[in-house]
C-alpha atoms as a PDB file:
ATOM      1  CA  UNK A   1    -292.384 -74.373 -68.323  1.00  0.00           C
ATOM      2  CA  UNK A   2    -295.029 -71.957 -67.469  1.00  0.00           C
ATOM      3  CA  UNK A   3    -298.716 -73.322 -66.205  1.00  0.00           C
ATOM      4  CA  UNK A   4    -301.840 -70.491 -65.752  1.00  0.00           C
ATOM      5  CA  UNK A   5    -304.230 -70.489 -62.984  1.00  0.00           C
ATOM      6  CA  UNK A   6    -308.437 -71.068 -62.872  1.00  0.00           C
ATOM      7  CA  UNK A   7    -308.350 -67.947 -61.070  1.00  0.00           C
ATOM      8  CA  UNK A   8    -311.538 -65.841 -62.438  1.00  0.00           C
ATOM      9  CA  UNK A   9    -309.573 -62.435 -61.707  1.00  0.00           C
ATOM     10  CA  UNK A  10    -306.567 -63.613 -63.969  1.00  0.00           C
ATOM     11  CA  UNK A  11    -308.889 -65.120 -66.688  1.00  0.00           C
ATOM     12  CA  UNK A  12    -310.529 -61.501 -66.561  1.00  0.00           C
ATOM     13  CA  UNK A  13    -306.984 -60.252 -67.006  1.00  0.00           C
ATOM     14  CA  UNK A  14    -305.963 -62.609 -69.805  1.00  0.00           C
ATOM     15  CA  UNK A  15    -309.192 -61.959 -71.696  1.00  0.00           C
ATOM     16  CA  UNK A  16    -308.647 -57.983 -71.290  1.00  0.00           C
ATOM     17  CA  UNK A  17    -304.841 -58.604 -72.248  1.00  0.00           C
ATOM     18  CA  UNK A  18    -306.724 -60.391 -75.654  1.00  0.00           C
ATOM     19  CA  UNK A  19    -308.750 -57.628 -77.130  1.00  0.00           C
ATOM     20  CA  UNK A  20    -306.390 -54.736 -76.176  1.00  0.00           C
ATOM     21  CA  UNK A  21    -303.913 -56.771 -78.264  1.00  0.00           C
ATOM     22  CA  UNK A  22    -305.966 -57.293 -81.097  1.00  0.00           C
ATOM     23  CA  UNK A  23    -306.893 -53.945 -81.650  1.00  0.00           C
ATOM     24  CA  UNK A  24    -303.217 -52.227 -81.047  1.00  0.00           C
ATOM     25  CA  UNK A  25    -301.925 -50.143 -83.519  1.00  0.00           C
ATOM     26  CA  UNK A  26    -298.438 -49.382 -84.088  1.00  0.00           C
ATOM     27  CA  UNK A  27    -296.926 -46.152 -82.080  1.00  0.00           C
ATOM     28  CA  UNK A  28    -296.931 -42.760 -83.711  1.00  0.00           C
ATOM     29  CA  UNK A  29    -293.835 -40.670 -83.431  1.00  0.00           C
ATOM     30  CA  UNK A  30    -293.965 -39.094 -80.008  1.00  0.00           C
ATOM     31  CA  UNK A  31    -294.784 -42.459 -78.897  1.00  0.00           C
ATOM     32  CA  UNK A  32    -291.256 -43.216 -80.645  1.00  0.00           C
ATOM     33  CA  UNK A  33    -289.330 -40.518 -79.041  1.00  0.00           C
ATOM     34  CA  UNK A  34    -290.651 -41.607 -75.597  1.00  0.00           C
ATOM     35  CA  UNK A  35    -289.120 -45.407 -76.140  1.00  0.00           C
ATOM     36  CA  UNK A  36    -285.519 -43.471 -77.481  1.00  0.00           C
ATOM     37  CA  UNK A  37    -285.961 -42.166 -73.965  1.00  0.00           C
ATOM     38  CA  UNK A  38    -285.901 -44.952 -72.526  1.00  0.00           C
ATOM     39  CA  UNK A  39    -283.948 -47.336 -74.134  1.00  0.00           C
ATOM     40  CA  UNK A  40    -280.997 -47.066 -76.743  1.00  0.00           C
ATOM     41  CA  UNK A  41    -278.379 -49.252 -78.903  1.00  0.00           C
ATOM     42  CA  UNK A  42    -279.472 -53.237 -78.181  1.00  0.00           C
ATOM     43  CA  UNK A  43    -282.483 -52.681 -75.212  1.00  0.00           C
ATOM     44  CA  UNK A  44    -283.809 -50.374 -78.547  1.00  0.00           C
ATOM     45  CA  UNK A  45    -283.704 -53.352 -80.547  1.00  0.00           C
ATOM     46  CA  UNK A  46    -285.495 -56.188 -78.247  1.00  0.00           C
ATOM     47  CA  UNK A  47    -288.265 -53.526 -78.027  1.00  0.00           C
ATOM     48  CA  UNK A  48    -289.015 -52.787 -81.472  1.00  0.00           C
ATOM     49  CA  UNK A  49    -288.264 -55.920 -82.306  1.00  0.00           C
ATOM     50  CA  UNK A  50    -291.686 -56.727 -80.382  1.00  0.00           C
ATOM     51  CA  UNK A  51    -294.518 -57.197 -82.521  1.00  0.00           C
ATOM     52  CA  UNK A  52    -296.641 -53.583 -82.385  1.00  0.00           C
ATOM     53  CA  UNK A  53    -299.435 -55.604 -79.506  1.00  0.00           C
ATOM     54  CA  UNK A  54    -296.378 -56.221 -77.200  1.00  0.00           C
ATOM     55  CA  UNK A  55    -294.701 -52.735 -78.324  1.00  0.00           C
ATOM     56  CA  UNK A  56    -297.996 -50.877 -77.190  1.00  0.00           C
ATOM     57  CA  UNK A  57    -299.122 -53.534 -73.659  1.00  0.00           C
ATOM     58  CA  UNK A  58    -295.113 -52.398 -73.408  1.00  0.00           C
ATOM     59  CA  UNK A  59    -295.155 -48.469 -73.850  1.00  0.00           C
ATOM     60  CA  UNK A  60    -298.222 -48.543 -71.822  1.00  0.00           C
ATOM     61  CA  UNK A  61    -296.764 -50.300 -68.611  1.00  0.00           C
ATOM     62  CA  UNK A  62    -293.486 -47.459 -68.993  1.00  0.00           C
ATOM     63  CA  UNK A  63    -295.860 -44.733 -68.687  1.00  0.00           C
ATOM     64  CA  UNK A  64    -297.695 -46.429 -65.509  1.00  0.00           C
ATOM     65  CA  UNK A  65    -294.528 -46.981 -64.011  1.00  0.00           C
ATOM     66  CA  UNK A  66    -293.320 -43.339 -64.713  1.00  0.00           C
ATOM     67  CA  UNK A  67    -296.320 -41.842 -63.100  1.00  0.00           C
ATOM     68  CA  UNK A  68    -296.618 -43.735 -60.535  1.00  0.00           C
ATOM     69  CA  UNK A  69    -292.849 -43.694 -59.267  1.00  0.00           C
ATOM     70  CA  UNK A  70    -291.644 -40.396 -61.006  1.00  0.00           C
ATOM     71  CA  UNK A  71    -288.096 -40.585 -61.707  1.00  0.00           C
ATOM     72  CA  UNK A  72    -287.464 -44.045 -61.747  1.00  0.00           C
ATOM     73  CA  UNK A  73    -286.422 -44.693 -64.958  1.00  0.00           C
ATOM     74  CA  UNK A  74    -285.122 -47.981 -64.058  1.00  0.00           C
ATOM     75  CA  UNK A  75    -289.069 -49.146 -63.465  1.00  0.00           C
ATOM     76  CA  UNK A  76    -290.257 -47.746 -66.334  1.00  0.00           C
ATOM     77  CA  UNK A  77    -287.348 -49.681 -68.362  1.00  0.00           C
ATOM     78  CA  UNK A  78    -288.269 -52.744 -66.586  1.00  0.00           C
ATOM     79  CA  UNK A  79    -291.454 -52.804 -67.395  1.00  0.00           C
ATOM     80  CA  UNK A  80    -290.664 -51.450 -70.875  1.00  0.00           C
ATOM     81  CA  UNK A  81    -288.964 -54.663 -71.867  1.00  0.00           C
ATOM     82  CA  UNK A  82    -290.073 -57.378 -69.455  1.00  0.00           C
ATOM     83  CA  UNK A  83    -292.143 -59.256 -72.596  1.00  0.00           C
ATOM     84  CA  UNK A  84    -289.408 -58.895 -75.427  1.00  0.00           C
ATOM     85  CA  UNK A  85    -289.151 -62.564 -75.130  1.00  0.00           C
ATOM     86  CA  UNK A  86    -292.646 -62.874 -76.706  1.00  0.00           C
ATOM     87  CA  UNK A  87    -291.536 -62.818 -80.114  1.00  0.00           C
ATOM     88  CA  UNK A  88    -289.772 -65.556 -80.056  1.00  0.00           C
ATOM     89  CA  UNK A  89    -292.842 -67.419 -80.279  1.00  0.00           C
ATOM     90  CA  UNK A  90    -294.065 -65.547 -83.151  1.00  0.00           C
ATOM     91  CA  UNK A  91    -298.001 -66.225 -82.424  1.00  0.00           C
ATOM     92  CA  UNK A  92    -300.760 -63.532 -82.628  1.00  0.00           C
ATOM     93  CA  UNK A  93    -303.999 -63.195 -80.178  1.00  0.00           C
ATOM     94  CA  UNK A  94    -305.380 -66.657 -81.786  1.00  0.00           C
ATOM     95  CA  UNK A  95    -301.669 -68.391 -80.985  1.00  0.00           C
ATOM     96  CA  UNK A  96    -301.076 -66.617 -77.636  1.00  0.00           C
ATOM     97  CA  UNK A  97    -304.864 -67.961 -76.955  1.00  0.00           C
ATOM     98  CA  UNK A  98    -304.131 -71.028 -77.515  1.00  0.00           C
ATOM     99  CA  UNK A  99    -300.922 -71.737 -75.964  1.00  0.00           C
ATOM    100  CA  UNK A 100    -302.546 -69.774 -72.488  1.00  0.00           C
ATOM    101  CA  UNK A 101    -305.177 -72.636 -72.890  1.00  0.00           C
ATOM    102  CA  UNK A 102    -302.714 -75.459 -73.711  1.00  0.00           C
ATOM    103  CA  UNK A 103    -301.338 -74.139 -69.922  1.00  0.00           C
ATOM    104  CA  UNK A 104    -304.627 -73.913 -68.290  1.00  0.00           C
ATOM    105  CA  UNK A 105    -305.430 -77.291 -69.389  1.00  0.00           C
ATOM    106  CA  UNK A 106    -301.862 -78.746 -68.303  1.00  0.00           C
ATOM    107  CA  UNK A 107    -301.545 -79.794 -72.115  1.00  0.00           C
ATOM    108  CA  UNK A 108    -298.163 -80.267 -73.376  1.00  0.00           C
ATOM    109  CA  UNK A 109    -297.726 -77.208 -75.758  1.00  0.00           C
ATOM    110  CA  UNK A 110    -296.596 -77.338 -79.303  1.00  0.00           C
ATOM    111  CA  UNK A 111    -293.176 -75.649 -79.483  1.00  0.00           C
ATOM    112  CA  UNK A 112    -294.388 -72.138 -80.193  1.00  0.00           C
ATOM    113  CA  UNK A 113    -296.714 -72.188 -77.750  1.00  0.00           C
ATOM    114  CA  UNK A 114    -293.813 -73.422 -75.144  1.00  0.00           C
ATOM    115  CA  UNK A 115    -291.491 -70.742 -76.731  1.00  0.00           C
ATOM    116  CA  UNK A 116    -294.813 -67.923 -75.440  1.00  0.00           C
ATOM    117  CA  UNK A 117    -295.007 -69.693 -72.260  1.00  0.00           C
ATOM    118  CA  UNK A 118    -291.207 -69.417 -71.697  1.00  0.00           C
ATOM    119  CA  UNK A 119    -290.865 -65.793 -72.675  1.00  0.00           C
ATOM    120  CA  UNK A 120    -289.826 -64.466 -69.334  1.00  0.00           C
ATOM    121  CA  UNK A 121    -286.668 -66.890 -69.429  1.00  0.00           C
ATOM    122  CA  UNK A 122    -285.987 -66.231 -72.364  1.00  0.00           C
ATOM    123  CA  UNK A 123    -286.417 -62.630 -72.623  1.00  0.00           C
ATOM    124  CA  UNK A 124    -284.392 -61.862 -69.489  1.00  0.00           C
ATOM    125  CA  UNK A 125    -281.505 -64.256 -70.944  1.00  0.00           C
ATOM    126  CA  UNK A 126    -281.554 -61.802 -74.079  1.00  0.00           C
ATOM    127  CA  UNK A 127    -281.517 -58.361 -71.939  1.00  0.00           C
ATOM    128  CA  UNK A 128    -278.839 -59.701 -70.011  1.00  0.00           C
ATOM    129  CA  UNK A 129    -276.492 -60.485 -72.545  1.00  0.00           C
ATOM    130  CA  UNK A 130    -278.007 -56.870 -74.133  1.00  0.00           C
ATOM    131  CA  UNK A 131    -276.280 -55.664 -70.782  1.00  0.00           C
ATOM    132  CA  UNK A 132    -279.829 -54.105 -69.173  1.00  0.00           C
ATOM    133  CA  UNK A 133    -279.277 -53.103 -65.850  1.00  0.00           C
ATOM    134  CA  UNK A 134    -280.390 -55.624 -62.804  1.00  0.00           C
ATOM    135  CA  UNK A 135    -283.947 -54.510 -62.206  1.00  0.00           C
ATOM    136  CA  UNK A 136    -284.895 -54.934 -65.923  1.00  0.00           C
ATOM    137  CA  UNK A 137    -283.634 -58.183 -66.332  1.00  0.00           C
ATOM    138  CA  UNK A 138    -284.889 -59.754 -62.495  1.00  0.00           C
ATOM    139  CA  UNK A 139    -288.326 -58.417 -63.621  1.00  0.00           C
ATOM    140  CA  UNK A 140    -288.653 -59.851 -66.620  1.00  0.00           C
ATOM    141  CA  UNK A 141    -287.336 -63.359 -65.228  1.00  0.00           C
ATOM    142  CA  UNK A 142    -289.853 -63.048 -62.650  1.00  0.00           C
ATOM    143  CA  UNK A 143    -292.668 -61.337 -63.932  1.00  0.00           C
ATOM    144  CA  UNK A 144    -295.308 -64.128 -63.475  1.00  0.00           C
ATOM    145  CA  UNK A 145    -293.487 -65.887 -60.028  1.00  0.00           C
ATOM    146  CA  UNK A 146    -292.957 -64.627 -56.955  1.00  0.00           C
ATOM    147  CA  UNK A 147    -291.019 -61.690 -56.172  1.00  0.00           C
ATOM    148  CA  UNK A 148    -287.281 -61.800 -56.157  1.00  0.00           C
ATOM    149  CA  UNK A 149    -285.219 -60.783 -53.580  1.00  0.00           C
ATOM    150  CA  UNK A 150    -283.562 -58.138 -55.530  1.00  0.00           C
ATOM    151  CA  UNK A 151    -286.839 -56.397 -56.453  1.00  0.00           C
ATOM    152  CA  UNK A 152    -287.721 -54.371 -53.284  1.00  0.00           C
ATOM    153  CA  UNK A 153    -291.489 -54.716 -52.389  1.00  0.00           C
ATOM    154  CA  UNK A 154    -292.817 -51.625 -53.570  1.00  0.00           C
ATOM    155  CA  UNK A 155    -291.143 -51.578 -56.870  1.00  0.00           C
ATOM    156  CA  UNK A 156    -292.401 -54.821 -57.881  1.00  0.00           C
ATOM    157  CA  UNK A 157    -295.824 -53.777 -56.454  1.00  0.00           C
ATOM    158  CA  UNK A 158    -295.437 -50.936 -59.144  1.00  0.00           C
ATOM    159  CA  UNK A 159    -293.904 -53.066 -61.680  1.00  0.00           C
ATOM    160  CA  UNK A 160    -296.993 -55.469 -61.531  1.00  0.00           C
ATOM    161  CA  UNK A 161    -299.544 -52.955 -61.388  1.00  0.00           C
ATOM    162  CA  UNK A 162    -297.679 -51.234 -64.491  1.00  0.00           C
ATOM    163  CA  UNK A 163    -298.284 -54.747 -66.141  1.00  0.00           C
ATOM    164  CA  UNK A 164    -301.867 -54.721 -65.381  1.00  0.00           C
ATOM    165  CA  UNK A 165    -301.231 -57.881 -62.841  1.00  0.00           C
ATOM    166  CA  UNK A 166    -302.270 -55.889 -59.707  1.00  0.00           C
ATOM    167  CA  UNK A 167    -305.144 -58.052 -59.370  1.00  0.00           C
ATOM    168  CA  UNK A 168    -302.428 -60.588 -57.275  1.00  0.00           C
ATOM    169  CA  UNK A 169    -300.514 -60.134 -54.602  1.00  0.00           C
ATOM    170  CA  UNK A 170    -296.593 -59.547 -54.243  1.00  0.00           C
ATOM    171  CA  UNK A 171    -296.496 -63.184 -53.784  1.00  0.00           C
ATOM    172  CA  UNK A 172    -298.661 -65.082 -55.944  1.00  0.00           C
ATOM    173  CA  UNK A 173    -297.534 -67.043 -59.269  1.00  0.00           C
ATOM    174  CA  UNK A 174    -299.900 -67.039 -61.841  1.00  0.00           C
ATOM    175  CA  UNK A 175    -299.297 -70.001 -63.685  1.00  0.00           C
ATOM    176  CA  UNK A 176    -298.858 -72.596 -60.566  1.00  0.00           C
ATOM    177  CA  UNK A 177    -302.525 -72.818 -59.646  1.00  0.00           C
ATOM    178  CA  UNK A 178    -301.898 -73.201 -55.740  1.00  0.00           C
ATOM    179  CA  UNK A 179    -303.073 -69.336 -55.111  1.00  0.00           C
ATOM    180  CA  UNK A 180    -306.891 -70.173 -55.991  1.00  0.00           C
END
């Protein structure tokens, strides 16, 4: 189970993410084409099963990855699909905020909150079962942890920045509170 940190930069990131999520709009036809260019088959199904707020964030992350590392469709795909496990919690912005608070306060979360806090593992397992490439699976699994050996540092930095996590260093774990 993941735990959030009280670091001010991390809290600001969480507040910004909640604000953006509350204002997310469905993707338009041109944006749907962008998604289709990065994911098809089972991977596309995982993307489209996400709530609109996660689709919007994912597409923005993928765009950032492509702009930062042109031609690196693996990085864009990893950015596009990294949060696909969040949908299992069936939580909106308020529920996600409460789940995060439970993590900050080190309170044992109810089942749906626990699923949200464990979205990285859940999503990575689904991506692996769907045949996603290792970069996609490993970023989903380790997005909130230290960089795994399977992902080069320069790729990790692109992925973290794409996810809006550039406020943390390459080895900081946003959830353990040990890097406060």
